[in-house]
Protein backbone atom coordinates (compact mmCIF):
# COMPACT_ATOMS: atom_id res chain seq x y z
CA MET A 1 66.31 47.88 53.97
CA GLU A 2 63.25 50.15 54.02
CA GLY A 3 63.70 53.42 52.16
CA ILE A 4 63.78 56.72 54.04
CA ASP A 5 62.32 59.98 52.79
CA ILE A 6 64.90 62.76 53.03
CA ILE A 7 62.28 65.25 51.87
CA ARG A 8 58.82 64.91 50.32
CA GLN A 9 56.67 67.77 49.05
CA ARG A 10 53.13 67.08 47.86
CA PHE A 11 50.30 69.28 46.66
CA ASN A 12 46.80 68.28 45.63
CA TYR A 13 44.13 70.63 44.33
CA ALA A 14 41.00 70.58 42.21
CA GLU A 15 39.47 72.89 39.63
CA ILE A 16 35.69 72.59 39.80
CA THR A 17 33.24 73.99 37.27
CA THR A 18 29.59 73.77 38.28
CA PHE A 19 26.45 74.26 36.20
CA ARG A 20 23.03 75.34 37.39
CA ASP A 21 20.52 72.57 37.92
CA TYR A 22 17.18 74.31 37.38
CA CYS A 23 15.24 71.08 37.14
CA ARG A 24 15.74 67.44 36.24
CA LEU A 25 17.47 67.21 32.88
CA ASP A 26 15.27 64.36 31.71
CA GLU A 27 12.25 66.65 32.15
CA LYS A 28 13.79 69.72 30.43
CA LYS A 29 12.13 71.03 27.33
CA PRO A 30 14.55 73.03 25.20
CA SER A 31 13.46 76.49 24.07
CA ASN A 32 13.14 76.65 20.27
CA GLY A 33 14.59 73.15 20.18
CA THR A 34 18.11 74.38 20.96
CA THR A 35 18.68 76.20 24.26
CA PHE A 36 17.05 77.05 27.56
CA ASN A 37 15.20 80.32 27.95
CA ASN A 38 17.85 82.89 28.83
CA ASP A 39 15.39 84.87 30.99
CA ILE A 40 15.98 82.48 33.91
CA ASP A 41 19.71 82.87 33.52
CA ASP A 42 20.21 86.25 35.13
CA LEU A 43 23.08 85.05 37.40
CA ASP A 44 22.99 87.67 40.12
CA ASP A 45 26.06 87.92 42.39
CA PHE A 46 28.63 85.18 42.98
CA GLU A 47 31.60 85.72 45.29
CA GLY A 48 30.85 89.45 45.34
CA PHE A 49 31.02 89.66 41.55
CA SER A 50 28.18 91.26 39.66
CA ILE A 51 28.19 90.43 35.99
CA ASN A 52 26.41 93.72 35.29
CA SER A 53 29.50 95.70 36.36
CA PHE A 54 31.68 94.16 33.64
CA MET A 55 31.32 93.16 30.04
CA ARG A 56 28.90 90.26 30.15
CA PRO A 57 30.97 87.06 30.50
CA LYS A 58 30.28 83.74 28.86
CA LEU A 59 27.46 82.26 30.97
CA GLY A 60 27.77 78.62 30.04
CA LYS A 61 28.40 76.17 27.26
CA ILE A 62 26.44 74.23 24.69
CA VAL A 63 26.39 70.44 25.15
CA THR A 64 24.76 67.40 23.59
CA PHE A 65 23.93 64.21 25.44
CA PRO A 66 25.35 61.05 23.84
CA PRO A 67 23.18 58.13 22.76
CA LYS A 68 23.30 55.01 24.89
CA ARG A 69 25.30 52.45 22.91
CA ASN A 70 25.54 49.43 25.21
CA ASN A 71 24.66 48.19 28.67
CA ARG A 72 27.59 49.97 30.31
CA LYS A 73 26.47 53.25 31.80
CA THR A 74 29.12 55.91 31.12
CA HIS A 75 26.93 59.01 31.38
CA TYR A 76 24.09 60.11 33.64
CA PHE A 77 21.89 61.38 30.82
CA HIS A 78 21.50 60.16 27.25
CA ASP A 79 19.67 61.30 24.16
CA ASN A 80 18.69 58.44 21.87
CA ASN A 81 17.01 60.60 19.26
CA GLU A 82 18.33 60.31 15.73
CA VAL A 83 19.65 63.86 15.98
CA GLN A 84 21.00 64.84 19.42
CA GLU A 85 19.62 68.20 20.47
CA LYS A 86 21.87 70.92 21.82
CA THR A 87 21.37 72.23 25.34
CA GLN A 88 22.92 75.22 27.09
CA LEU A 89 24.25 74.59 30.58
CA ASN A 90 24.79 77.78 32.56
CA TYR A 91 27.61 78.19 35.06
CA GLY A 92 26.74 78.00 38.73
CA TYR A 93 29.84 79.95 39.83
CA LEU A 94 31.52 83.10 38.56
CA ASN A 95 34.58 84.93 39.89
CA PRO A 96 36.30 88.03 38.44
CA LYS A 97 39.77 86.41 38.66
CA THR A 98 39.22 82.72 37.97
CA GLY A 99 36.07 82.98 35.86
CA ASN A 100 33.82 79.93 36.12
CA VAL A 101 36.43 77.72 37.84
CA PHE A 102 36.45 77.19 41.60
CA ILE A 103 39.87 76.08 42.89
CA THR A 104 40.19 74.24 46.19
CA THR A 105 42.43 71.94 48.23
CA ASN A 106 39.63 70.90 50.56
CA ASP A 107 38.96 67.17 50.17
CA LYS A 108 35.41 67.69 51.39
CA HIS A 109 34.76 70.16 48.57
CA ILE A 110 36.22 67.74 46.05
CA THR A 111 34.43 64.56 47.14
CA ASN A 112 31.17 66.50 47.44
CA HIS A 113 31.17 66.94 43.64
CA TYR A 114 32.14 63.37 42.71
CA GLY A 115 28.56 62.22 42.26
CA LYS A 116 27.12 65.43 40.83
CA PRO A 117 26.26 65.14 37.13
CA LEU A 118 26.54 68.91 36.61
CA SER A 119 30.04 69.31 38.01
CA GLU A 120 33.25 69.18 35.99
CA LEU A 121 36.40 68.26 37.93
CA ARG A 122 40.09 68.60 37.12
CA ILE A 123 42.17 67.13 39.98
CA THR A 124 45.94 67.58 39.95
CA THR A 125 48.42 65.93 42.28
CA ILE A 126 52.11 66.79 42.12
CA GLU A 127 54.87 65.49 44.33
CA ARG A 128 58.65 65.77 44.42
CA SER A 129 60.85 63.84 46.76
CA ILE A 130 64.36 62.74 47.61
CA ARG A 131 64.47 59.21 49.01
CA ARG A 132 67.37 57.09 50.20
CA ASN A 133 67.36 53.32 50.09
CA GLY A 134 70.70 51.88 51.16
CA ASP A 135 73.40 53.23 48.83
CA LYS A 136 70.83 54.57 46.37
CA VAL A 137 69.20 58.00 46.32
CA THR A 138 66.18 58.71 44.11
CA ILE A 139 65.04 62.20 43.07
CA LYS A 140 61.51 61.90 41.72
CA ILE A 141 58.74 64.07 40.33
CA TYR A 142 55.27 62.53 40.29
CA ARG A 143 52.28 64.08 38.55
CA ARG A 144 48.75 62.73 38.27
CA TYR A 145 45.88 64.34 36.44
CA LYS A 146 42.23 63.24 36.74
CA SER A 147 39.41 64.86 34.86
CA ARG A 148 35.69 64.33 34.40
CA ASN A 149 33.34 66.36 32.24
CA ALA A 150 29.80 67.28 33.15
CA ASN A 151 27.35 64.35 32.72
CA ALA A 152 30.23 61.83 32.67
CA ILE A 153 30.33 59.12 35.35
CA TYR A 154 33.98 58.05 35.08
CA PHE A 155 37.25 59.95 35.35
CA LYS A 156 40.02 59.97 32.76
CA SER A 157 43.48 59.98 34.27
CA ARG A 158 47.13 60.34 33.34
CA THR A 159 50.23 59.66 35.43
CA ASP A 160 53.70 61.04 34.66
CA VAL A 161 56.83 60.13 36.60
CA THR A 162 60.40 61.30 36.00
CA SER A 163 63.17 60.21 38.30
CA ILE A 164 66.94 59.93 38.73
CA THR A 165 68.29 57.11 40.90
CA VAL A 166 71.94 57.50 41.91
CA ASN A 167 74.27 54.89 43.38
CA MET A 168 76.17 57.00 45.90
CA VAL A 169 79.11 54.56 45.95
CA THR A 170 79.74 53.85 42.25
CA GLY A 171 78.36 57.12 40.89
CA ASN A 172 76.19 55.33 38.30
CA PHE A 173 72.71 56.76 37.79
CA THR A 174 69.52 55.59 36.13
CA THR A 175 66.92 57.91 34.63
CA LEU A 176 63.26 56.99 34.24
CA ILE A 177 60.51 58.56 32.17
CA TYR A 178 57.12 56.96 32.76
CA GLY A 179 53.75 57.96 31.38
CA LYS A 180 50.45 56.12 31.62
CA SER A 181 47.01 57.04 30.34
CA SER A 182 44.02 55.27 28.84
CA LYS A 183 45.63 55.56 25.37
CA SER A 184 49.33 54.99 26.01
CA ASN A 185 51.87 53.50 28.36
CA ILE A 186 55.48 54.72 28.13
CA LYS A 187 58.40 53.56 30.23
CA SER A 188 61.99 54.46 29.37
CA PHE A 189 65.09 53.64 31.45
CA ARG A 190 68.64 54.88 30.74
CA THR A 191 71.81 54.13 32.67
CA ASN A 192 74.33 56.98 32.77
CA GLY A 193 72.34 58.71 30.04
CA PHE A 194 73.47 62.32 30.16
CA THR A 195 71.17 63.44 27.37
CA MET A 196 68.23 62.14 29.39
CA LEU A 197 69.67 63.78 32.51
CA GLU A 198 69.54 67.13 30.76
CA LEU A 199 65.94 66.60 29.70
CA LEU A 200 64.97 65.79 33.28
CA THR A 201 66.77 68.80 34.73
CA LYS A 202 65.68 71.48 32.29
CA GLY A 203 62.90 73.94 33.08
CA GLY A 204 60.15 71.97 34.81
CA GLY A 205 62.71 69.67 36.44
CA PRO A 206 63.19 69.07 40.19
CA LEU A 207 64.28 72.65 40.89
CA ASP A 208 62.26 74.52 38.30
CA ILE A 209 58.73 73.19 38.66
CA LYS A 210 56.53 75.75 36.99
CA ASP A 211 53.76 77.28 39.08
CA LEU A 212 50.71 75.07 38.71
CA VAL A 213 48.35 77.78 39.91
CA GLY A 214 48.35 81.47 39.16
CA ILE A 215 49.46 84.07 41.67
CA ASP A 216 45.86 85.28 41.93
CA SER A 217 44.56 81.86 42.87
CA ARG A 218 43.05 81.38 46.33
CA VAL A 219 45.34 78.34 46.86
CA TYR A 220 48.57 79.98 45.65
CA GLY A 221 49.80 80.56 49.21
CA GLU A 222 49.24 76.92 50.16
CA TYR A 223 51.04 75.78 47.01
CA LYS A 224 54.13 77.95 47.57
CA ASN A 225 54.25 76.98 51.24
CA GLU A 226 54.20 73.25 50.42
CA PHE A 227 56.61 73.46 47.48
CA ASN A 228 59.35 75.28 49.34
CA ASN A 229 62.30 75.46 46.97
CA ASP A 230 64.80 76.48 49.64
CA SER A 231 64.09 73.36 51.67
CA PHE A 232 64.37 71.10 48.63
CA VAL A 233 67.63 72.72 47.48
CA ALA A 234 69.11 72.41 50.97
CA ALA A 235 68.26 68.69 51.04
CA LEU A 236 69.69 68.19 47.55
CA ARG A 237 72.94 69.96 48.40
CA ASP A 238 73.28 68.02 51.62
CA VAL A 239 72.85 64.64 49.88
CA PHE A 240 75.55 65.33 47.26
CA ASN A 241 77.70 67.63 49.42
CA LEU A 242 77.37 70.46 46.89
CA ASP A 243 78.42 74.10 47.17
CA THR A 244 75.95 76.02 49.32
CA THR A 245 77.25 79.53 48.58
CA VAL A 246 75.81 80.08 45.09
CA PRO A 247 72.21 80.51 43.82
CA TYR A 248 70.77 77.27 42.52
CA ASP A 249 68.67 76.13 39.61
CA SER A 250 68.37 72.97 37.52
CA LYS A 251 71.34 73.84 35.28
CA SER A 252 73.55 74.49 38.31
CA PHE A 253 72.54 71.15 39.79
CA ARG A 254 73.21 69.32 36.51
CA LEU A 255 76.71 70.76 36.19
CA ASP A 256 77.49 70.09 39.86
CA PHE A 257 76.13 66.57 39.52
CA ILE A 258 78.38 65.96 36.50
CA GLY A 259 81.33 67.17 38.60
CA TRP A 260 80.25 64.84 41.41
CA PHE A 261 79.94 61.97 38.89
CA VAL A 262 83.47 62.60 37.58
CA LYS A 263 84.82 62.57 41.13
CA GLN A 264 83.02 59.36 42.09
CA LYS A 265 84.10 57.59 38.87
CA LYS A 266 87.68 58.96 39.18
CA ILE A 267 87.61 60.18 35.57
CA LYS A 268 90.55 62.29 34.38
CA VAL A 269 89.15 65.27 32.52
CA SER A 270 90.26 68.36 30.58
CA ASP A 271 88.57 71.61 29.55
CA HIS A 272 84.97 71.45 28.29
CA TYR A 273 84.60 68.08 29.98
CA GLN A 274 80.90 68.71 30.78
CA PHE A 275 80.07 68.83 27.07
CA TRP A 276 82.20 65.81 26.19
CA LEU A 277 80.71 63.79 29.04
CA GLN A 278 77.10 64.74 28.26
CA ASN A 279 77.37 63.90 24.57
CA PHE A 280 80.10 61.23 24.39
CA TYR A 281 80.14 59.34 27.68
CA PRO A 282 82.50 56.51 26.69
CA THR A 283 81.18 53.91 29.21
CA GLU A 284 83.21 52.04 31.79
CA LYS A 285 84.62 49.69 29.16
CA PHE A 286 86.67 52.43 27.46
CA LEU A 287 87.50 54.29 30.67
CA LYS A 288 89.17 51.17 32.10
CA LYS A 289 91.01 50.58 28.85
CA ASN A 290 92.39 54.16 28.76
CA ASP A 291 93.49 54.73 32.37
CA ARG A 292 90.17 56.59 32.99
CA LYS A 293 91.22 59.47 30.72
CA LEU A 294 88.09 60.99 29.21
CA ILE A 295 89.48 62.31 25.89
CA GLN A 296 91.43 59.16 25.08
CA SER A 297 88.39 57.04 25.96
CA ILE A 298 86.09 59.06 23.70
CA LEU A 299 88.52 58.89 20.76
CA ASP A 300 88.93 55.15 21.32
CA MET A 301 85.15 54.68 21.40
CA ILE A 302 84.64 56.42 18.04
CA GLN A 303 87.71 54.64 16.66
CA ILE A 304 89.98 57.60 15.91
CA LYS A 305 92.38 57.35 18.85
CA SER A 306 95.97 58.22 17.93
CA LYS A 307 98.77 60.48 19.21
CA VAL A 308 97.81 63.04 16.58
CA THR A 309 94.09 63.20 17.48
CA ILE A 310 94.79 63.16 21.25
CA LYS A 311 97.10 66.13 20.80
CA LEU A 312 94.51 67.91 18.64
CA MET A 313 91.74 67.42 21.21
CA HIS A 314 93.86 68.83 24.03
CA LYS A 315 95.12 71.74 21.94
CA HIS A 316 91.63 72.55 20.61
CA PRO A 317 89.15 71.69 23.42
CA ASP A 318 86.27 73.12 21.38
CA ILE A 319 87.07 71.14 18.23
CA ASP A 320 84.21 69.84 16.10
CA ILE A 321 84.77 66.15 16.79
CA VAL A 322 82.01 65.09 14.38
CA SER A 323 83.74 66.65 11.37
CA LEU A 324 87.15 65.47 12.60
CA ALA A 325 85.88 61.89 12.88
CA ARG A 326 84.26 62.01 9.44
CA LEU A 327 87.53 63.19 7.91
CA CYS A 328 89.46 60.42 9.68
CA TYR A 329 87.02 57.81 8.39
CA PHE A 330 87.47 59.17 4.86
CA LEU A 331 91.22 58.88 5.10
CA GLY A 332 91.09 55.25 6.22
CA GLU A 333 93.33 53.24 8.53
CA ASN A 334 96.36 55.50 7.99
CA TYR A 335 94.35 58.63 8.81
CA SER A 336 96.89 59.85 11.40
CA LYS A 337 99.53 60.06 8.65
CA TYR A 338 97.36 62.54 6.75
CA ILE A 339 95.81 64.38 9.73
CA GLY A 340 99.30 65.13 11.02
CA THR A 341 100.13 67.06 7.83
CA ILE A 342 97.14 69.41 8.05
CA GLU A 343 98.24 72.92 8.95
CA PRO A 344 97.26 74.14 12.47
CA ARG A 345 95.31 77.13 11.05
CA VAL A 346 92.83 74.69 9.47
CA PHE A 347 91.76 73.42 12.90
CA GLU A 348 91.12 76.98 14.03
CA MET A 349 88.10 76.73 11.69
CA CYS A 350 87.15 73.34 13.17
CA LYS A 351 85.06 74.77 15.99
CA LEU A 352 82.39 72.95 17.89
CA SER A 353 79.17 73.42 15.93
CA HIS A 354 76.85 71.68 18.39
CA ASN A 355 75.20 73.69 21.14
CA PRO A 356 76.05 72.17 24.57
CA ASN A 357 72.67 73.38 25.84
CA ASN A 358 70.89 71.29 23.25
CA PRO A 359 72.71 67.95 23.13
CA SER A 360 71.89 65.32 20.55
CA ASN A 361 73.10 61.77 20.36
CA LEU A 362 76.33 62.72 18.62
CA LYS A 363 78.07 59.46 19.50
CA SER A 364 75.46 57.42 17.67
CA THR A 365 75.44 59.90 14.76
CA ILE A 366 79.18 59.60 14.18
CA VAL A 367 79.54 55.84 14.40
CA SER A 368 76.32 54.76 12.64
CA ASN A 369 76.17 57.38 9.86
CA TYR A 370 79.78 57.91 8.89
CA LYS A 371 82.05 55.07 9.97
CA GLU A 372 80.93 52.47 7.46
CA HIS A 373 81.00 54.55 4.29
CA LYS A 374 81.57 52.52 1.11
CA PHE A 375 83.68 54.98 -0.84
CA LEU A 376 86.83 53.63 -2.50
CA ILE A 377 89.33 56.45 -2.05
CA LYS A 378 92.73 56.29 -3.73
CA ASP A 379 95.92 57.49 -2.04
CA ILE A 380 96.25 60.29 -4.58
CA GLU A 381 92.73 61.44 -3.66
CA LYS A 382 93.62 61.47 0.05
CA GLU A 383 96.67 63.58 -0.74
CA ASN A 384 94.50 65.92 -2.80
CA ILE A 385 92.06 66.31 0.10
CA ILE A 386 94.94 67.46 2.33
CA ARG A 387 96.16 69.87 -0.39
CA ILE A 388 92.66 71.35 -0.65
CA LEU A 389 92.44 71.81 3.13
CA ASN A 390 95.90 73.40 3.32
CA GLY A 391 95.33 75.68 0.34
CA GLU A 392 95.36 79.44 0.81
CA ASP A 393 92.11 79.80 -1.17
CA ILE A 394 90.13 77.90 1.45
CA GLY A 395 89.76 81.20 3.30
CA SER A 396 87.65 81.16 6.46
CA ARG A 397 85.16 78.55 5.32
CA ASN A 398 83.65 76.39 8.04
CA PHE A 399 85.45 73.10 8.48
CA ASP A 400 82.23 71.11 8.78
CA THR A 401 80.94 72.64 5.51
CA ILE A 402 84.11 71.60 3.68
CA VAL A 403 83.89 68.06 5.06
CA ASN A 404 80.23 67.91 3.97
CA ASP A 405 81.23 69.03 0.48
CA ILE A 406 83.93 66.35 0.31
CA TYR A 407 81.40 63.73 1.39
CA ASP A 408 78.91 64.86 -1.28
CA HIS A 409 81.69 64.93 -3.88
CA PHE A 410 82.67 61.31 -3.29
CA ASN A 411 79.03 60.30 -3.18
CA MET A 412 78.72 61.60 -6.76
CA ILE A 413 81.99 59.99 -7.84
CA ASP A 414 80.82 56.67 -6.39
CA LYS A 415 77.62 56.77 -8.46
CA LEU A 416 79.33 57.94 -11.65
CA ARG A 417 82.04 55.27 -11.52
CA GLU A 418 79.39 52.85 -12.76
CA TYR A 419 79.83 54.59 -16.13
CA GLU A 420 83.42 55.83 -15.78
CA PRO A 421 85.57 53.53 -13.59
CA ASN A 422 88.61 55.83 -13.80
CA LEU A 423 86.85 58.85 -12.33
CA TYR A 424 88.61 60.30 -9.26
CA LEU A 425 89.19 63.53 -7.34
CA LYS A 426 91.71 65.50 -9.42
CA SER A 427 91.54 68.92 -7.73
CA LYS A 428 94.42 70.22 -5.60
CA THR A 429 92.98 73.59 -4.55
CA TYR A 430 89.59 74.59 -3.18
CA ARG A 431 88.78 76.59 -6.30
CA GLU A 432 89.51 73.62 -8.52
CA PHE A 433 87.47 71.45 -6.18
CA HIS A 434 84.51 73.79 -6.47
CA GLN A 435 84.61 73.72 -10.27
CA GLU A 436 84.99 69.95 -10.35
CA HIS A 437 82.01 69.73 -8.02
CA LEU A 438 79.88 71.65 -10.50
CA VAL A 439 80.95 69.35 -13.33
CA LEU A 440 80.01 66.25 -11.35
CA SER A 441 76.64 67.77 -10.51
CA LYS A 442 75.93 68.27 -14.21
CA MET A 443 77.12 64.77 -15.05
CA MET A 444 74.81 63.34 -12.42
CA SER A 445 71.79 64.66 -14.28
CA MET A 446 73.07 64.07 -17.83
CA VAL A 447 74.14 60.47 -17.54
CA LYS A 448 70.81 58.74 -17.02
CA LYS A 449 70.61 56.85 -20.31
CA GLY A 450 67.92 59.04 -21.77
CA TRP A 451 65.59 59.26 -18.79
CA VAL A 452 65.29 61.39 -15.69
CA ILE A 453 63.35 61.26 -12.44
CA GLU A 454 60.17 63.25 -12.06
CA TYR A 455 58.18 63.69 -8.84
CA GLN A 456 54.43 64.13 -8.82
CA PHE A 457 53.02 66.06 -5.83
CA ALA A 458 49.51 66.84 -4.65
CA ASP A 459 48.22 69.92 -6.48
CA GLU A 460 46.87 71.35 -3.22
CA MET A 461 50.32 71.23 -1.63
CA VAL A 462 52.17 72.63 -4.68
CA ASN A 463 49.72 75.52 -5.11
CA GLU A 464 50.00 76.51 -1.44
CA ILE A 465 53.78 76.14 -1.07
CA GLU A 466 54.51 78.02 -4.31
CA LYS A 467 52.43 81.08 -3.42
CA PRO A 468 54.62 84.25 -3.50
CA LEU A 469 55.72 85.62 -0.11
CA LYS A 470 56.85 89.10 0.85
CA THR A 471 59.60 90.28 3.19
CA TRP A 472 61.84 93.25 3.83
CA VAL A 473 65.20 93.86 2.19
CA TYR A 474 67.93 94.07 4.85
CA ASP A 475 70.91 96.44 4.84
CA GLU A 476 74.53 95.50 5.50
CA ASN A 477 73.89 95.76 9.27
CA VAL A 478 71.12 93.16 8.97
CA GLU A 479 68.49 95.81 9.67
CA PRO A 480 65.22 95.86 7.70
CA THR A 481 64.84 98.67 5.18
CA ASP A 482 61.63 100.18 3.82
CA GLU A 483 61.93 98.14 0.64
CA ILE A 484 59.62 95.14 0.28
CA ILE A 485 60.61 92.22 -1.94
CA THR A 486 58.55 89.33 -3.29
CA ILE A 487 60.07 85.83 -3.12
CA TYR A 488 58.74 82.94 -5.20
CA PRO A 489 59.11 79.45 -3.66
CA HIS A 490 59.51 76.72 -6.28
CA ILE A 491 59.45 72.97 -5.60
CA LEU A 492 62.03 71.08 -7.67
CA LYS A 493 60.11 68.33 -9.47
CA ARG A 494 62.31 67.12 -12.32
CA GLU A 495 65.92 66.06 -12.40
CA GLU A 496 66.74 68.83 -14.88
CA GLU A 497 65.52 71.34 -12.29
CA TYR A 498 67.88 69.86 -9.71
CA ASP A 499 70.70 70.14 -12.26
CA GLU A 500 69.87 73.75 -13.13
CA GLU A 501 69.62 74.72 -9.46
CA GLY A 502 73.00 73.11 -8.73
CA ARG A 503 74.73 74.81 -11.67
CA PHE A 504 73.19 78.19 -10.89
CA MET A 505 73.87 78.04 -7.16
CA HIS A 506 77.27 76.33 -7.45
CA HIS A 507 76.39 73.54 -5.04
CA CYS A 508 75.55 69.84 -5.26
CA VAL A 509 71.75 69.79 -5.01
CA ALA A 510 71.76 67.87 -8.33
CA SER A 511 72.93 64.81 -6.39
CA TYR A 512 69.73 64.97 -4.27
CA SER A 513 67.37 64.28 -7.19
CA ASN A 514 66.99 60.63 -6.21
CA LYS A 515 66.43 61.39 -2.51
CA ASP A 516 62.67 61.02 -2.11
CA ARG A 517 62.70 61.24 1.69
CA SER A 518 63.12 65.00 1.42
CA ILE A 519 61.68 67.79 -0.69
CA ILE A 520 63.73 70.66 -2.18
CA VAL A 521 62.23 74.16 -2.30
CA SER A 522 64.10 76.88 -4.20
CA LEU A 523 63.38 80.42 -2.94
CA ARG A 524 63.83 82.93 -5.80
CA ASN A 525 63.44 86.65 -6.38
CA GLU A 526 61.43 87.86 -9.35
CA ASP A 527 64.21 87.68 -11.97
CA MET A 528 65.71 84.56 -10.29
CA SER A 529 69.07 86.30 -9.87
CA ASP A 530 69.08 85.61 -6.12
CA ARG A 531 68.11 82.30 -4.54
CA ALA A 532 68.25 80.05 -1.49
CA THR A 533 67.94 76.27 -1.72
CA CYS A 534 66.08 74.58 1.16
CA GLU A 535 65.74 70.88 2.01
CA PHE A 536 62.82 69.71 4.19
CA ASP A 537 62.28 66.23 5.67
CA CYS A 538 59.08 64.71 4.25
CA GLN A 539 58.36 62.73 7.43
CA THR A 540 58.90 65.45 10.05
CA GLY A 541 58.72 68.70 8.08
CA GLU A 542 62.04 69.72 9.65
CA LEU A 543 64.33 72.09 7.74
CA ILE A 544 67.42 69.94 7.11
CA GLN A 545 69.55 72.63 5.47
CA SER A 546 69.35 75.92 3.60
CA LYS A 547 72.16 77.10 1.31
CA SER A 548 72.97 80.10 -0.84
CA PHE A 549 75.63 80.37 -3.56
CA CYS A 550 78.61 78.06 -3.06
CA ASN A 551 76.97 76.60 0.08
CA ALA A 552 77.14 79.95 1.89
CA LYS A 553 74.49 80.98 4.41
CA PRO A 554 71.37 82.52 2.80
CA LYS A 555 70.66 86.24 3.13
CA HIS A 556 68.59 87.31 6.13
CA MET A 557 65.51 87.95 3.99
CA PHE A 558 65.42 84.26 3.06
CA TYR A 559 65.30 83.30 6.74
CA ASP A 560 62.16 85.46 7.02
CA ILE A 561 60.65 83.56 4.09
CA ILE A 562 61.58 80.19 5.62
CA GLN A 563 59.76 81.20 8.81
CA GLN A 564 56.67 82.06 6.76
CA LEU A 565 56.97 78.82 4.81
CA GLN A 566 57.50 76.49 7.80
CA PRO A 567 53.84 76.47 9.01
CA LYS A 568 52.74 75.43 5.51
CA ILE A 569 55.36 72.68 5.47
CA ASP A 570 54.21 71.48 8.92
CA LYS A 571 50.57 71.52 7.77
CA PHE A 572 51.14 69.30 4.74
CA THR A 573 53.52 67.04 6.70
CA LYS A 574 50.71 66.29 9.16
CA MET A 575 48.36 65.66 6.22
CA GLY A 576 50.91 63.29 4.67
CA LEU A 577 51.03 65.38 1.49
CA LEU A 578 54.59 66.70 1.62
CA LYS A 579 55.96 63.46 0.18
CA SER A 580 55.56 62.91 -3.53
CA ILE A 581 52.54 60.95 -4.75
CA GLU A 582 54.52 59.29 -7.51
CA LYS A 583 58.15 59.02 -8.54
CA ARG A 584 58.65 58.00 -12.15
CA LYS A 585 61.11 57.88 -15.04
CA VAL A 586 60.40 60.23 -17.91
CA PRO A 587 62.32 61.15 -21.09
CA PHE A 588 65.26 63.45 -20.50
CA MET A 589 64.51 66.90 -21.86
CA ILE A 590 66.55 70.02 -22.64
CA ASN A 591 64.50 73.10 -23.46
CA GLY A 592 61.51 70.87 -24.03
CA VAL A 593 63.28 68.61 -26.55
CA GLU A 594 63.83 64.92 -25.78
CA VAL A 595 67.49 63.94 -25.72
CA ILE A 596 68.70 60.56 -27.00
CA VAL A 597 71.86 59.59 -25.13
CA PRO A 598 74.26 57.23 -26.97
CA ASN A 599 74.86 53.78 -25.54
CA ASN A 600 78.59 54.42 -25.07
CA SER A 601 78.01 56.37 -21.83
CA PRO A 602 81.64 56.27 -20.55
CA THR A 603 82.77 58.10 -23.71
CA LEU A 604 80.07 60.69 -23.21
CA ILE A 605 81.19 61.21 -19.61
CA GLU A 606 84.84 61.57 -20.57
CA GLN A 607 84.02 64.11 -23.25
CA LEU A 608 81.68 66.08 -21.03
CA TYR A 609 84.11 66.05 -18.11
CA ASP A 610 87.12 67.11 -20.19
CA ARG A 611 85.14 69.78 -22.02
CA GLN A 612 83.80 71.26 -18.81
CA MET A 613 87.17 71.21 -17.02
CA ASP A 614 89.00 72.68 -20.03
CA ALA A 615 86.59 75.63 -19.96
CA VAL A 616 87.43 76.44 -16.33
CA GLU A 617 89.86 79.33 -15.86
CA PHE A 618 91.82 78.55 -12.71
């Protein structure tokens, strides 16, 4: 069956920049070997605009003509001299509002400049439509950009298409992102991909297309008349039978569409279902298996479905499911036995930490990163984890932070069991856990059989990153005071530095010393009494985490420093210099003296562990 356009809105316009053609370019003789004589460039009045009544605008631009490299003619004029001379081309059009650019929708104007060597063209076509083809409805945005510089013969073009195709019977939808240019060709399809749906319906989506031309443009009226939002919204609401009594934007449409999807798929939902559906759509396989109940299907999909977790999800609709799943995976097959003994007040701290307006692929994160951990956890350790969580000294600490600490703790135990097989989690309170964590961090750096890891970085990067930075001191109301403080960034380069940072800050950065995919920068005040530890990804430059003492959030002044530091990080990431040049083993040193570690490492560990724990005053 032939498709039918429910509505189609299309706008095509060109931005034309012309240059004065005083004579044939191949006969021009540059003045002083560089530019034309400016005396002939007096540009009187254009469009009622006298350049003498304003500050003198830029009259043109400097160009060079490329040498002819092969038989294919890509430019009108070439310069085959060994050194290409520079020539000034002066604008042939000036306007007080649009400058040197003439904007038009007249095809005759546009085609008239196709063959003119001294005309630059930027042609933009944008179209949005709703089209029905049988049971399917497609909402599409099409953009095409063509451009040609002065003296060039051929146009460069780029086409971008985003669309959502919906089966009006089944409710299933397919999203498409397509981009084609001379350098790349991208095509991405997703079926029932809610993360992609959000990307397509954010600002710039079907209902929020940003104005392509300014309000002062001579074609602005034509543009707004063609892209009539009221007409498009009315068509959209009519297709999906949506509420017509409220103002509409892309977010409203996305939420209404999710509601329509739930209705079409006959999914049984609870509170916060928009977030759960956008981030954890369980697919038809799990919906069928779980009587189309959304929460049960999600828990089944991430393999933590039980009476206990179902009850928790309904009682705490904003629960942090990522941390809950990680804890269940830690506790093994009998996780429900342990989860059921956790006091209700603990889950009051287990709040959703992911912003629903900025969804990430949480489903993939949970299953791929956490499910298949290789930690061997004893029953007594599982019981101790529950005691720690239920302890009064846990205070109001974030649940996800505690779970992260537990993960890091067992990561250290797993590595140290190579030297001490009987090592296990002994703590029963959070305070004991914290002290044990510090001991393990120290052991991680001490037990390396006489050598430690050292990273070598580019001197240029180190010198720039470690330059002192200044910021204000903030008061208790997080308001800047008149006091200025200097902060000294320091890149951790040796394993001993990781160990010292971990012991001083009471966190587990010592266990990151062998993680060469990230770089650790310690932000310190002058006497090093106050610090913040920051981890940056060497590939992307992204700030992975920043921690203060005992994994608390850093003071506000450190966030100012991070903002100053981030452009430098981004700069060296792009240069490929953030990652270490060399990672090597060097003799283990304490205060500059090489340490010889005995061969009987397990005995050393036992002595160190017992000595450290005996010194702790609980």
